[in-house]
């Protein structure tokens, strides 16, 4: 990946991270932008988001984000000086949820330090 593309990905991620909490759509829940991947030519960008909540809340949040993509594209156009503002598409990123699940599994497997001191 080129350095310019990497900088644009990060700049768009930052703008969206600042913009999403200001959206007034009640469908949009607690969202974290985990990454952005701009296509060659900067015509399209895939935005990866993590959503806190149930499957239903996740689907409603993605619908709300898709409905508000025009507002977010306008915000990107104002914040960044790009020849072409990419069309946004949103995808759920399960990595945060998987990380939490793995952390819980590790905690369950790890011995409790309090139990070790009682056995001695």
PDB file of N, CA and C in Angstrom:
ATOM      1  N   UNK A   1       0.857  -1.175   0.000  1.00  0.00           N
ATOM      2  CA  UNK A   1       0.000   0.000   0.000  1.00  0.00           C
ATOM      3  C   UNK A   1       0.899   1.233   0.000  1.00  0.00           C
ATOM      4  N   UNK A   2       0.555   2.200  -0.828  1.00  0.00           N
ATOM      5  CA  UNK A   2       1.359   3.410  -0.922  1.00  0.00           C
ATOM      6  C   UNK A   2       1.196   4.262   0.335  1.00  0.00           C
ATOM      7  N   UNK A   3       2.182   5.103   0.560  1.00  0.00           N
ATOM      8  CA  UNK A   3       2.158   5.970   1.737  1.00  0.00           C
ATOM      9  C   UNK A   3       0.984   6.949   1.669  1.00  0.00           C
ATOM     10  N   UNK A   4       0.704   7.468   0.479  1.00  0.00           N
ATOM     11  CA  UNK A   4      -0.410   8.413   0.328  1.00  0.00           C
ATOM     12  C   UNK A   4      -1.740   7.736   0.649  1.00  0.00           C
ATOM     13  N   UNK A   5      -1.917   6.538   0.146  1.00  0.00           N
ATOM     14  CA  UNK A   5      -3.158   5.803   0.394  1.00  0.00           C
ATOM     15  C   UNK A   5      -3.323   5.529   1.894  1.00  0.00           C
ATOM     16  N   UNK A   6      -2.235   5.177   2.560  1.00  0.00           N
ATOM     17  CA  UNK A   6      -2.268   4.927   4.000  1.00  0.00           C
ATOM     18  C   UNK A   6      -2.666   6.202   4.757  1.00  0.00           C
ATOM     19  N   UNK A   7      -2.113   7.340   4.345  1.00  0.00           N
ATOM     20  CA  UNK A   7      -2.452   8.616   5.005  1.00  0.00           C
ATOM     21  C   UNK A   7      -3.907   8.983   4.776  1.00  0.00           C
ATOM     22  N   UNK A   8      -4.412   8.770   3.554  1.00  0.00           N
ATOM     23  CA  UNK A   8      -5.815   9.068   3.246  1.00  0.00           C
ATOM     24  C   UNK A   8      -6.733   8.153   4.052  1.00  0.00           C
ATOM     25  N   UNK A   9      -6.401   6.863   4.144  1.00  0.00           N
ATOM     26  CA  UNK A   9      -7.195   5.934   4.955  1.00  0.00           C
ATOM     27  C   UNK A   9      -7.304   6.430   6.393  1.00  0.00           C
ATOM     28  N   UNK A  10      -6.177   6.808   6.968  1.00  0.00           N
ATOM     29  CA  UNK A  10      -6.161   7.255   8.365  1.00  0.00           C
ATOM     30  C   UNK A  10      -6.898   8.585   8.527  1.00  0.00           C
ATOM     31  N   UNK A  11      -6.745   9.496   7.574  1.00  0.00           N
ATOM     32  CA  UNK A  11      -7.432  10.788   7.663  1.00  0.00           C
ATOM     33  C   UNK A  11      -8.947  10.606   7.584  1.00  0.00           C
ATOM     34  N   UNK A  12      -9.412   9.750   6.691  1.00  0.00           N
ATOM     35  CA  UNK A  12     -10.854   9.487   6.579  1.00  0.00           C
ATOM     36  C   UNK A  12     -11.358   8.822   7.855  1.00  0.00           C
ATOM     37  N   UNK A  13     -10.583   7.868   8.399  1.00  0.00           N
ATOM     38  CA  UNK A  13     -10.979   7.208   9.643  1.00  0.00           C
ATOM     39  C   UNK A  13     -11.144   8.233  10.767  1.00  0.00           C
ATOM     40  N   UNK A  14     -10.222   9.180  10.839  1.00  0.00           N
ATOM     41  CA  UNK A  14     -10.288  10.200  11.889  1.00  0.00           C
ATOM     42  C   UNK A  14     -11.508  11.108  11.709  1.00  0.00           C
ATOM     43  N   UNK A  15     -11.770  11.543  10.483  1.00  0.00           N
ATOM     44  CA  UNK A  15     -12.935  12.400  10.220  1.00  0.00           C
ATOM     45  C   UNK A  15     -14.225  11.665  10.579  1.00  0.00           C
ATOM     46  N   UNK A  16     -14.331  10.409  10.179  1.00  0.00           N
ATOM     47  CA  UNK A  16     -15.542   9.638  10.478  1.00  0.00           C
ATOM     48  C   UNK A  16     -15.682   9.375  11.976  1.00  0.00           C
ATOM     49  N   UNK A  17     -14.574   9.116  12.657  1.00  0.00           N
ATOM     50  CA  UNK A  17     -14.625   8.897  14.107  1.00  0.00           C
ATOM     51  C   UNK A  17     -15.130  10.136  14.831  1.00  0.00           C
ATOM     52  N   UNK A  18     -14.807  11.306  14.300  1.00  0.00           N
ATOM     53  CA  UNK A  18     -15.291  12.552  14.895  1.00  0.00           C
ATOM     54  C   UNK A  18     -16.725  12.866  14.481  1.00  0.00           C
ATOM     55  N   UNK A  19     -17.128  12.458  13.280  1.00  0.00           N
ATOM     56  CA  UNK A  19     -18.439  12.806  12.732  1.00  0.00           C
ATOM     57  C   UNK A  19     -19.556  11.898  13.227  1.00  0.00           C
ATOM     58  N   UNK A  20     -19.327  10.606  13.300  1.00  0.00           N
ATOM     59  CA  UNK A  20     -20.392   9.650  13.637  1.00  0.00           C
ATOM     60  C   UNK A  20     -21.074   9.965  14.970  1.00  0.00           C
ATOM     61  N   UNK A  21     -20.344  10.307  16.035  1.00  0.00           N
ATOM     62  CA  UNK A  21     -21.044  10.612  17.295  1.00  0.00           C
ATOM     63  C   UNK A  21     -21.967  11.834  17.222  1.00  0.00           C
ATOM     64  N   UNK A  22     -21.772  12.693  16.235  1.00  0.00           N
ATOM     65  CA  UNK A  22     -22.613  13.890  16.118  1.00  0.00           C
ATOM     66  C   UNK A  22     -23.885  13.646  15.315  1.00  0.00           C
ATOM     67  N   UNK A  23     -23.999  12.477  14.679  1.00  0.00           N
ATOM     68  CA  UNK A  23     -25.186  12.170  13.875  1.00  0.00           C
ATOM     69  C   UNK A  23     -26.403  12.003  14.779  1.00  0.00           C
ATOM     70  N   UNK A  24     -27.533  12.491  14.333  1.00  0.00           N
ATOM     71  CA  UNK A  24     -28.751  12.491  15.140  1.00  0.00           C
ATOM     72  C   UNK A  24     -29.667  11.298  14.881  1.00  0.00           C
ATOM     73  N   UNK A  25     -29.249  10.362  14.058  1.00  0.00           N
ATOM     74  CA  UNK A  25     -30.077   9.203  13.721  1.00  0.00           C
ATOM     75  C   UNK A  25     -30.191   8.272  14.929  1.00  0.00           C
ATOM     76  N   UNK A  26     -31.410   7.999  15.402  1.00  0.00           N
ATOM     77  CA  UNK A  26     -31.572   7.140  16.584  1.00  0.00           C
ATOM     78  C   UNK A  26     -31.170   5.683  16.338  1.00  0.00           C
ATOM     79  N   UNK A  27     -31.048   5.286  15.089  1.00  0.00           N
ATOM     80  CA  UNK A  27     -30.637   3.910  14.783  1.00  0.00           C
ATOM     81  C   UNK A  27     -29.162   3.674  15.074  1.00  0.00           C
ATOM     82  N   UNK A  28     -28.382   4.745  15.054  1.00  0.00           N
ATOM     83  CA  UNK A  28     -26.937   4.611  15.209  1.00  0.00           C
ATOM     84  C   UNK A  28     -26.594   4.510  16.686  1.00  0.00           C
ATOM     85  N   UNK A  29     -26.023   3.370  17.054  1.00  0.00           N
ATOM     86  CA  UNK A  29     -25.636   3.120  18.438  1.00  0.00           C
ATOM     87  C   UNK A  29     -24.178   3.479  18.668  1.00  0.00           C
ATOM     88  N   UNK A  30     -23.565   2.762  19.597  1.00  0.00           N
ATOM     89  CA  UNK A  30     -22.160   2.987  19.928  1.00  0.00           C
ATOM     90  C   UNK A  30     -21.287   2.351  18.851  1.00  0.00           C
ATOM     91  N   UNK A  31     -20.602   3.189  18.071  1.00  0.00           N
ATOM     92  CA  UNK A  31     -19.835   2.742  16.907  1.00  0.00           C
ATOM     93  C   UNK A  31     -18.369   3.126  17.068  1.00  0.00           C
ATOM     94  N   UNK A  32     -17.494   2.209  16.703  1.00  0.00           N
ATOM     95  CA  UNK A  32     -16.068   2.493  16.625  1.00  0.00           C
ATOM     96  C   UNK A  32     -15.621   2.213  15.199  1.00  0.00           C
ATOM     97  N   UNK A  33     -14.975   3.187  14.579  1.00  0.00           N
ATOM     98  CA  UNK A  33     -14.429   2.987  13.237  1.00  0.00           C
ATOM     99  C   UNK A  33     -13.082   2.291  13.412  1.00  0.00           C
ATOM    100  N   UNK A  34     -13.003   1.044  12.981  1.00  0.00           N
ATOM    101  CA  UNK A  34     -11.779   0.263  13.171  1.00  0.00           C
ATOM    102  C   UNK A  34     -10.812   0.386  12.006  1.00  0.00           C
ATOM    103  N   UNK A  35     -11.298   0.797  10.850  1.00  0.00           N
ATOM    104  CA  UNK A  35     -10.410   0.953   9.709  1.00  0.00           C
ATOM    105  C   UNK A  35     -11.135   1.462   8.489  1.00  0.00           C
ATOM    106  N   UNK A  36     -10.353   1.964   7.554  1.00  0.00           N
ATOM    107  CA  UNK A  36     -10.883   2.434   6.271  1.00  0.00           C
ATOM    108  C   UNK A  36      -9.948   1.919   5.191  1.00  0.00           C
ATOM    109  N   UNK A  37     -10.524   1.454   4.112  1.00  0.00           N
ATOM    110  CA  UNK A  37      -9.730   0.988   2.981  1.00  0.00           C
ATOM    111  C   UNK A  37     -10.234   1.672   1.717  1.00  0.00           C
ATOM    112  N   UNK A  38      -9.415   2.576   1.193  1.00  0.00           N
ATOM    113  CA  UNK A  38      -9.771   3.321  -0.011  1.00  0.00           C
ATOM    114  C   UNK A  38      -9.330   2.518  -1.226  1.00  0.00           C
ATOM    115  N   UNK A  39     -10.203   2.434  -2.218  1.00  0.00           N
ATOM    116  CA  UNK A  39      -9.879   1.726  -3.456  1.00  0.00           C
ATOM    117  C   UNK A  39      -8.917   2.562  -4.291  1.00  0.00           C
ATOM    118  N   UNK A  40      -8.239   1.913  -5.189  1.00  0.00           N
ATOM    119  CA  UNK A  40      -7.343   2.618  -6.101  1.00  0.00           C
ATOM    120  C   UNK A  40      -8.142   3.663  -6.871  1.00  0.00           C
ATOM    121  N   UNK A  41      -7.625   4.861  -6.944  1.00  0.00           N
ATOM    122  CA  UNK A  41      -8.327   5.950  -7.607  1.00  0.00           C
ATOM    123  C   UNK A  41      -9.187   6.759  -6.652  1.00  0.00           C
ATOM    124  N   UNK A  42      -9.308   6.306  -5.411  1.00  0.00           N
ATOM    125  CA  UNK A  42     -10.049   7.015  -4.361  1.00  0.00           C
ATOM    126  C   UNK A  42     -11.523   7.237  -4.686  1.00  0.00           C
ATOM    127  N   UNK A  43     -12.103   6.397  -5.540  1.00  0.00           N
ATOM    128  CA  UNK A  43     -13.521   6.552  -5.881  1.00  0.00           C
ATOM    129  C   UNK A  43     -14.424   5.925  -4.821  1.00  0.00           C
ATOM    130  N   UNK A  44     -13.955   4.881  -4.173  1.00  0.00           N
ATOM    131  CA  UNK A  44     -14.750   4.167  -3.166  1.00  0.00           C
ATOM    132  C   UNK A  44     -13.904   3.932  -1.922  1.00  0.00           C
ATOM    133  N   UNK A  45     -14.581   3.881  -0.782  1.00  0.00           N
ATOM    134  CA  UNK A  45     -13.909   3.552   0.474  1.00  0.00           C
ATOM    135  C   UNK A  45     -14.799   2.623   1.279  1.00  0.00           C
ATOM    136  N   UNK A  46     -14.208   1.560   1.777  1.00  0.00           N
ATOM    137  CA  UNK A  46     -14.916   0.649   2.666  1.00  0.00           C
ATOM    138  C   UNK A  46     -14.548   1.033   4.088  1.00  0.00           C
ATOM    139  N   UNK A  47     -15.570   1.288   4.893  1.00  0.00           N
ATOM    140  CA  UNK A  47     -15.370   1.691   6.283  1.00  0.00           C
ATOM    141  C   UNK A  47     -15.732   0.500   7.159  1.00  0.00           C
ATOM    142  N   UNK A  48     -14.783   0.058   7.971  1.00  0.00           N
ATOM    143  CA  UNK A  48     -15.005  -1.074   8.868  1.00  0.00           C
ATOM    144  C   UNK A  48     -15.361  -0.532  10.243  1.00  0.00           C
ATOM    145  N   UNK A  49     -16.495  -0.986  10.767  1.00  0.00           N
ATOM    146  CA  UNK A  49     -16.973  -0.487  12.057  1.00  0.00           C
ATOM    147  C   UNK A  49     -17.257  -1.643  13.009  1.00  0.00           C
ATOM    148  N   UNK A  50     -17.058  -1.357  14.276  1.00  0.00           N
ATOM    149  CA  UNK A  50     -17.435  -2.279  15.338  1.00  0.00           C
ATOM    150  C   UNK A  50     -18.605  -1.636  16.063  1.00  0.00           C
ATOM    151  N   UNK A  51     -19.637  -2.426  16.327  1.00  0.00           N
ATOM    152  CA  UNK A  51     -20.856  -1.907  16.952  1.00  0.00           C
ATOM    153  C   UNK A  51     -21.086  -2.653  18.254  1.00  0.00           C
ATOM    154  N   UNK A  52     -21.262  -1.907  19.333  1.00  0.00           N
ATOM    155  CA  UNK A  52     -21.553  -2.511  20.630  1.00  0.00           C
ATOM    156  C   UNK A  52     -23.048  -2.783  20.712  1.00  0.00           C
ATOM    157  N   UNK A  53     -23.415  -4.032  20.969  1.00  0.00           N
ATOM    158  CA  UNK A  53     -24.828  -4.363  21.109  1.00  0.00           C
ATOM    159  C   UNK A  53     -25.171  -5.690  20.468  1.00  0.00           C
ATOM    160  N   UNK A  54     -26.468  -5.915  20.350  1.00  0.00           N
ATOM    161  CA  UNK A  54     -26.969  -7.169  19.795  1.00  0.00           C
ATOM    162  C   UNK A  54     -26.882  -7.159  18.272  1.00  0.00           C
ATOM    163  N   UNK A  55     -27.195  -8.296  17.685  1.00  0.00           N
ATOM    164  CA  UNK A  55     -27.208  -8.416  16.217  1.00  0.00           C
ATOM    165  C   UNK A  55     -28.204  -7.427  15.610  1.00  0.00           C
ATOM    166  N   UNK A  56     -29.367  -7.283  16.236  1.00  0.00           N
ATOM    167  CA  UNK A  56     -30.391  -6.354  15.738  1.00  0.00           C
ATOM    168  C   UNK A  56     -29.892  -4.912  15.806  1.00  0.00           C
ATOM    169  N   UNK A  57     -29.240  -4.535  16.910  1.00  0.00           N
ATOM    170  CA  UNK A  57     -28.696  -3.183  17.033  1.00  0.00           C
ATOM    171  C   UNK A  57     -27.608  -2.944  15.990  1.00  0.00           C
ATOM    172  N   UNK A  58     -26.816  -3.973  15.734  1.00  0.00           N
ATOM    173  CA  UNK A  58     -25.751  -3.867  14.735  1.00  0.00           C
ATOM    174  C   UNK A  58     -26.348  -3.603  13.356  1.00  0.00           C
ATOM    175  N   UNK A  59     -27.401  -4.333  12.992  1.00  0.00           N
ATOM    176  CA  UNK A  59     -28.040  -4.141  11.686  1.00  0.00           C
ATOM    177  C   UNK A  59     -28.666  -2.756  11.571  1.00  0.00           C
ATOM    178  N   UNK A  60     -29.339  -2.306  12.642  1.00  0.00           N
ATOM    179  CA  UNK A  60     -29.947  -0.966  12.609  1.00  0.00           C
ATOM    180  C   UNK A  60     -28.878   0.111  12.503  1.00  0.00           C
ATOM    181  N   UNK A  61     -27.769  -0.077  13.203  1.00  0.00           N
ATOM    182  CA  UNK A  61     -26.686   0.901  13.138  1.00  0.00           C
ATOM    183  C   UNK A  61     -26.110   0.970  11.733  1.00  0.00           C
ATOM    184  N   UNK A  62     -25.897  -0.172  11.098  1.00  0.00           N
ATOM    185  CA  UNK A  62     -25.383  -0.172   9.725  1.00  0.00           C
ATOM    186  C   UNK A  62     -26.364   0.502   8.769  1.00  0.00           C
ATOM    187  N   UNK A  63     -27.668   0.285   8.972  1.00  0.00           N
ATOM    188  CA  UNK A  63     -28.678   0.973   8.151  1.00  0.00           C
ATOM    189  C   UNK A  63     -28.586   2.481   8.352  1.00  0.00           C
ATOM    190  N   UNK A  64     -28.454   2.914   9.597  1.00  0.00           N
ATOM    191  CA  UNK A  64     -28.340   4.341   9.894  1.00  0.00           C
ATOM    192  C   UNK A  64     -27.098   4.954   9.281  1.00  0.00           C
ATOM    193  N   UNK A  65     -25.986   4.232   9.343  1.00  0.00           N
ATOM    194  CA  UNK A  65     -24.747   4.734   8.748  1.00  0.00           C
ATOM    195  C   UNK A  65     -24.871   4.841   7.232  1.00  0.00           C
ATOM    196  N   UNK A  66     -25.499   3.844   6.616  1.00  0.00           N
ATOM    197  CA  UNK A  66     -25.695   3.891   5.160  1.00  0.00           C
ATOM    198  C   UNK A  66     -26.588   5.064   4.777  1.00  0.00           C
ATOM    199  N   UNK A  67     -27.609   5.335   5.592  1.00  0.00           N
ATOM    200  CA  UNK A  67     -28.507   6.455   5.306  1.00  0.00           C
ATOM    201  C   UNK A  67     -27.794   7.798   5.456  1.00  0.00           C
ATOM    202  N   UNK A  68     -26.801   7.861   6.326  1.00  0.00           N
ATOM    203  CA  UNK A  68     -26.105   9.126   6.594  1.00  0.00           C
ATOM    204  C   UNK A  68     -24.797   9.254   5.817  1.00  0.00           C
ATOM    205  N   UNK A  69     -24.572   8.378   4.847  1.00  0.00           N
ATOM    206  CA  UNK A  69     -23.286   8.417   4.148  1.00  0.00           C
ATOM    207  C   UNK A  69     -23.051   9.737   3.418  1.00  0.00           C
ATOM    208  N   UNK A  70     -24.098  10.376   2.933  1.00  0.00           N
ATOM    209  CA  UNK A  70     -23.942  11.656   2.237  1.00  0.00           C
ATOM    210  C   UNK A  70     -23.420  12.747   3.156  1.00  0.00           C
ATOM    211  N   UNK A  71     -23.931  12.779   4.375  1.00  0.00           N
ATOM    212  CA  UNK A  71     -23.465  13.760   5.366  1.00  0.00           C
ATOM    213  C   UNK A  71     -21.990  13.521   5.672  1.00  0.00           C
ATOM    214  N   UNK A  72     -21.634  12.257   5.822  1.00  0.00           N
ATOM    215  CA  UNK A  72     -20.243  11.933   6.149  1.00  0.00           C
ATOM    216  C   UNK A  72     -19.311  12.224   4.973  1.00  0.00           C
ATOM    217  N   UNK A  73     -19.771  11.976   3.741  1.00  0.00           N
ATOM    218  CA  UNK A  73     -18.961  12.308   2.572  1.00  0.00           C
ATOM    219  C   UNK A  73     -18.740  13.814   2.483  1.00  0.00           C
ATOM    220  N   UNK A  74     -19.765  14.589   2.783  1.00  0.00           N
ATOM    221  CA  UNK A  74     -19.620  16.046   2.767  1.00  0.00           C
ATOM    222  C   UNK A  74     -18.612  16.493   3.823  1.00  0.00           C
ATOM    223  N   UNK A  75     -18.638  15.847   4.977  1.00  0.00           N
ATOM    224  CA  UNK A  75     -17.694  16.184   6.047  1.00  0.00           C
ATOM    225  C   UNK A  75     -16.261  15.843   5.620  1.00  0.00           C
ATOM    226  N   UNK A  76     -16.096  14.723   4.948  1.00  0.00           N
ATOM    227  CA  UNK A  76     -14.768  14.345   4.441  1.00  0.00           C
ATOM    228  C   UNK A  76     -14.298  15.359   3.407  1.00  0.00           C
ATOM    229  N   UNK A  77     -15.202  15.777   2.522  1.00  0.00           N
ATOM    230  CA  UNK A  77     -14.848  16.756   1.485  1.00  0.00           C
ATOM    231  C   UNK A  77     -14.406  18.076   2.108  1.00  0.00           C
ATOM    232  N   UNK A  78     -15.079  18.491   3.190  1.00  0.00           N
ATOM    233  CA  UNK A  78     -14.698  19.739   3.862  1.00  0.00           C
ATOM    234  C   UNK A  78     -13.354  19.613   4.575  1.00  0.00           C
ATOM    235  N   UNK A  79     -13.115  18.459   5.189  1.00  0.00           N
ATOM    236  CA  UNK A  79     -11.916  18.293   6.010  1.00  0.00           C
ATOM    237  C   UNK A  79     -10.667  17.971   5.194  1.00  0.00           C
ATOM    238  N   UNK A  80     -10.832  17.255   4.092  1.00  0.00           N
ATOM    239  CA  UNK A  80      -9.683  16.809   3.305  1.00  0.00           C
ATOM    240  C   UNK A  80      -9.737  17.415   1.910  1.00  0.00           C
ATOM    241  N   UNK A  81      -8.601  17.728   1.393  1.00  0.00           N
ATOM    242  CA  UNK A  81      -8.519  18.294   0.040  1.00  0.00           C
ATOM    243  C   UNK A  81      -8.205  17.176  -0.952  1.00  0.00           C
ATOM    244  N   UNK A  82      -9.236  16.427  -1.313  1.00  0.00           N
ATOM    245  CA  UNK A  82      -9.076  15.354  -2.286  1.00  0.00           C
ATOM    246  C   UNK A  82      -9.733  15.759  -3.593  1.00  0.00           C
ATOM    247  N   UNK A  83      -9.174  15.308  -4.689  1.00  0.00           N
ATOM    248  CA  UNK A  83      -9.762  15.598  -5.990  1.00  0.00           C
ATOM    249  C   UNK A  83     -11.151  14.970  -6.092  1.00  0.00           C
ATOM    250  N   UNK A  84     -11.291  13.791  -5.508  1.00  0.00           N
ATOM    251  CA  UNK A  84     -12.558  13.065  -5.549  1.00  0.00           C
ATOM    252  C   UNK A  84     -12.838  12.536  -4.145  1.00  0.00           C
ATOM    253  N   UNK A  85     -14.029  12.810  -3.642  1.00  0.00           N
ATOM    254  CA  UNK A  85     -14.415  12.279  -2.335  1.00  0.00           C
ATOM    255  C   UNK A  85     -14.958  10.873  -2.542  1.00  0.00           C
ATOM    256  N   UNK A  86     -14.394   9.889  -1.848  1.00  0.00           N
ATOM    257  CA  UNK A  86     -14.836   8.508  -2.080  1.00  0.00           C
ATOM    258  C   UNK A  86     -16.264   8.249  -1.606  1.00  0.00           C
ATOM    259  N   UNK A  87     -16.953   7.387  -2.339  1.00  0.00           N
ATOM    260  CA  UNK A  87     -18.282   6.920  -1.944  1.00  0.00           C
ATOM    261  C   UNK A  87     -18.065   5.894  -0.835  1.00  0.00           C
ATOM    262  N   UNK A  88     -18.779   6.057   0.264  1.00  0.00           N
ATOM    263  CA  UNK A  88     -18.565   5.210   1.433  1.00  0.00           C
ATOM    264  C   UNK A  88     -19.480   3.995   1.440  1.00  0.00           C
ATOM    265  N   UNK A  89     -18.932   2.868   1.831  1.00  0.00           N
ATOM    266  CA  UNK A  89     -19.739   1.686   2.129  1.00  0.00           C
ATOM    267  C   UNK A  89     -19.269   1.184   3.495  1.00  0.00           C
ATOM    268  N   UNK A  90     -20.202   0.669   4.274  1.00  0.00           N
ATOM    269  CA  UNK A  90     -19.906   0.271   5.646  1.00  0.00           C
ATOM    270  C   UNK A  90     -19.996  -1.237   5.795  1.00  0.00           C
ATOM    271  N   UNK A  91     -19.040  -1.793   6.530  1.00  0.00           N
ATOM    272  CA  UNK A  91     -19.033  -3.224   6.811  1.00  0.00           C
ATOM    273  C   UNK A  91     -18.756  -3.429   8.293  1.00  0.00           C
ATOM    274  N   UNK A  92     -19.440  -4.409   8.857  1.00  0.00           N
ATOM    275  CA  UNK A  92     -19.212  -4.756  10.252  1.00  0.00           C
ATOM    276  C   UNK A  92     -17.865  -5.461  10.386  1.00  0.00           C
ATOM    277  N   UNK A  93     -17.090  -5.074  11.386  1.00  0.00           N
ATOM    278  CA  UNK A  93     -15.785  -5.670  11.658  1.00  0.00           C
ATOM    279  C   UNK A  93     -15.871  -6.462  12.963  1.00  0.00           C
ATOM    280  N   UNK A  94     -15.845  -7.777  12.885  1.00  0.00           N
ATOM    281  CA  UNK A  94     -16.028  -8.596  14.095  1.00  0.00           C
ATOM    282  C   UNK A  94     -14.770  -8.762  14.940  1.00  0.00           C
ATOM    283  N   UNK A  95     -13.646  -8.166  14.572  1.00  0.00           N
ATOM    284  CA  UNK A  95     -12.397  -8.423  15.282  1.00  0.00           C
ATOM    285  C   UNK A  95     -12.434  -7.975  16.736  1.00  0.00           C
ATOM    286  N   UNK A  96     -13.082  -6.851  17.040  1.00  0.00           N
ATOM    287  CA  UNK A  96     -13.154  -6.387  18.427  1.00  0.00           C
ATOM    288  C   UNK A  96     -13.953  -7.385  19.260  1.00  0.00           C
ATOM    289  N   UNK A  97     -15.079  -7.823  18.730  1.00  0.00           N
ATOM    290  CA  UNK A  97     -15.915  -8.800  19.430  1.00  0.00           C
ATOM    291  C   UNK A  97     -15.155 -10.110  19.632  1.00  0.00           C
ATOM    292  N   UNK A  98     -14.413 -10.541  18.629  1.00  0.00           N
ATOM    293  CA  UNK A  98     -13.626 -11.769  18.749  1.00  0.00           C
ATOM    294  C   UNK A  98     -12.527 -11.609  19.796  1.00  0.00           C
ATOM    295  N   UNK A  99     -11.924 -10.437  19.858  1.00  0.00           N
ATOM    296  CA  UNK A  99     -10.888 -10.170  20.855  1.00  0.00           C
ATOM    297  C   UNK A  99     -11.434 -10.232  22.271  1.00  0.00           C
ATOM    298  N   UNK A 100     -12.619  -9.669  22.472  1.00  0.00           N
ATOM    299  CA  UNK A 100     -13.254  -9.721  23.793  1.00  0.00           C
ATOM    300  C   UNK A 100     -13.554 -11.169  24.167  1.00  0.00           C
ATOM    301  N   UNK A 101     -14.072 -11.928  23.219  1.00  0.00           N
ATOM    302  CA  UNK A 101     -14.399 -13.332  23.471  1.00  0.00           C
ATOM    303  C   UNK A 101     -13.135 -14.128  23.817  1.00  0.00           C
ATOM    304  N   UNK A 102     -12.040 -13.895  23.091  1.00  0.00           N
ATOM    305  CA  UNK A 102     -10.783 -14.582  23.383  1.00  0.00           C
ATOM    306  C   UNK A 102     -10.249 -14.191  24.755  1.00  0.00           C
ATOM    307  N   UNK A 103     -10.376 -12.915  25.102  1.00  0.00           N
ATOM    308  CA  UNK A 103      -9.941 -12.455  26.420  1.00  0.00           C
ATOM    309  C   UNK A 103     -10.690 -13.155  27.540  1.00  0.00           C
ATOM    310  N   UNK A 104     -11.991 -13.326  27.357  1.00  0.00           N
ATOM    311  CA  UNK A 104     -12.794 -14.035  28.359  1.00  0.00           C
ATOM    312  C   UNK A 104     -12.363 -15.490  28.467  1.00  0.00           C
ATOM    313  N   UNK A 105     -12.085 -16.118  27.327  1.00  0.00           N
ATOM    314  CA  UNK A 105     -11.650 -17.514  27.342  1.00  0.00           C
ATOM    315  C   UNK A 105     -10.315 -17.658  28.068  1.00  0.00           C
ATOM    316  N   UNK A 106      -9.402 -16.740  27.840  1.00  0.00           N
ATOM    317  CA  UNK A 106      -8.099 -16.783  28.505  1.00  0.00           C
ATOM    318  C   UNK A 106      -8.268 -16.584  30.004  1.00  0.00           C
ATOM    319  N   UNK A 107      -9.135 -15.639  30.379  1.00  0.00           N
ATOM    320  CA  UNK A 107      -9.390 -15.406  31.804  1.00  0.00           C
ATOM    321  C   UNK A 107      -9.958 -16.644  32.479  1.00  0.00           C
ATOM    322  N   UNK A 108     -10.812 -17.375  31.778  1.00  0.00           N
ATOM    323  CA  UNK A 108     -11.397 -18.590  32.347  1.00  0.00           C
ATOM    324  C   UNK A 108     -10.347 -19.689  32.507  1.00  0.00           C
ATOM    325  N   UNK A 109      -9.379 -19.747  31.600  1.00  0.00           N
ATOM    326  CA  UNK A 109      -8.350 -20.780  31.652  1.00  0.00           C
ATOM    327  C   UNK A 109      -7.229 -20.454  32.629  1.00  0.00           C
ATOM    328  N   UNK A 110      -6.946 -19.185  32.820  1.00  0.00           N
ATOM    329  CA  UNK A 110      -5.843 -18.772  33.686  1.00  0.00           C
ATOM    330  C   UNK A 110      -6.193 -19.047  35.145  1.00  0.00           C
ATOM    331  N   UNK A 111      -5.225 -19.577  35.913  1.00  0.00           N
ATOM    332  CA  UNK A 111      -5.503 -19.810  37.335  1.00  0.00           C
ATOM    333  C   UNK A 111      -5.610 -18.484  38.081  1.00  0.00           C
ATOM    334  N   UNK A 112      -6.474 -18.463  39.054  1.00  0.00           N
ATOM    335  CA  UNK A 112      -6.684 -17.266  39.865  1.00  0.00           C
ATOM    336  C   UNK A 112      -5.533 -17.148  40.863  1.00  0.00           C
ATOM    337  N   UNK A 113      -4.811 -16.008  40.929  1.00  0.00           N
ATOM    338  CA  UNK A 113      -3.688 -15.858  41.860  1.00  0.00           C
ATOM    339  C   UNK A 113      -4.110 -16.047  43.319  1.00  0.00           C
ATOM    340  N   UNK A 114      -5.330 -15.725  43.678  1.00  0.00           N
ATOM    341  CA  UNK A 114      -5.804 -15.894  45.051  1.00  0.00           C
ATOM    342  C   UNK A 114      -5.862 -17.377  45.412  1.00  0.00           C
ATOM    343  N   UNK A 115      -6.203 -18.232  44.455  1.00  0.00           N
ATOM    344  CA  UNK A 115      -6.257 -19.671  44.705  1.00  0.00           C
ATOM    345  C   UNK A 115      -4.864 -20.233  44.970  1.00  0.00           C
ATOM    346  N   UNK A 116      -3.844 -19.728  44.289  1.00  0.00           N
ATOM    347  CA  UNK A 116      -2.478 -20.205  44.483  1.00  0.00           C
ATOM    348  C   UNK A 116      -1.974 -19.901  45.882  1.00  0.00           C
ATOM    349  N   UNK A 117      -2.284 -18.729  46.415  1.00  0.00           N
ATOM    350  CA  UNK A 117      -1.799 -18.352  47.743  1.00  0.00           C
ATOM    351  C   UNK A 117      -2.470 -19.168  48.837  1.00  0.00           C
ATOM    352  N   UNK A 118      -3.696 -19.602  48.640  1.00  0.00           N
ATOM    353  CA  UNK A 118      -4.402 -20.400  49.635  1.00  0.00           C
ATOM    354  C   UNK A 118      -3.854 -21.819  49.690  1.00  0.00           C
ATOM    355  N   UNK A 119      -3.351 -22.334  48.580  1.00  0.00           N
ATOM    356  CA  UNK A 119      -2.867 -23.704  48.525  1.00  0.00           C
ATOM    357  C   UNK A 119      -1.512 -23.858  49.197  1.00  0.00           C
ATOM    358  N   UNK A 120      -0.773 -22.816  49.349  1.00  0.00           N
ATOM    359  CA  UNK A 120       0.582 -22.894  49.923  1.00  0.00           C
ATOM    360  C   UNK A 120       0.562 -22.986  51.387  1.00  0.00           C
TER     361      UNK A 120
END
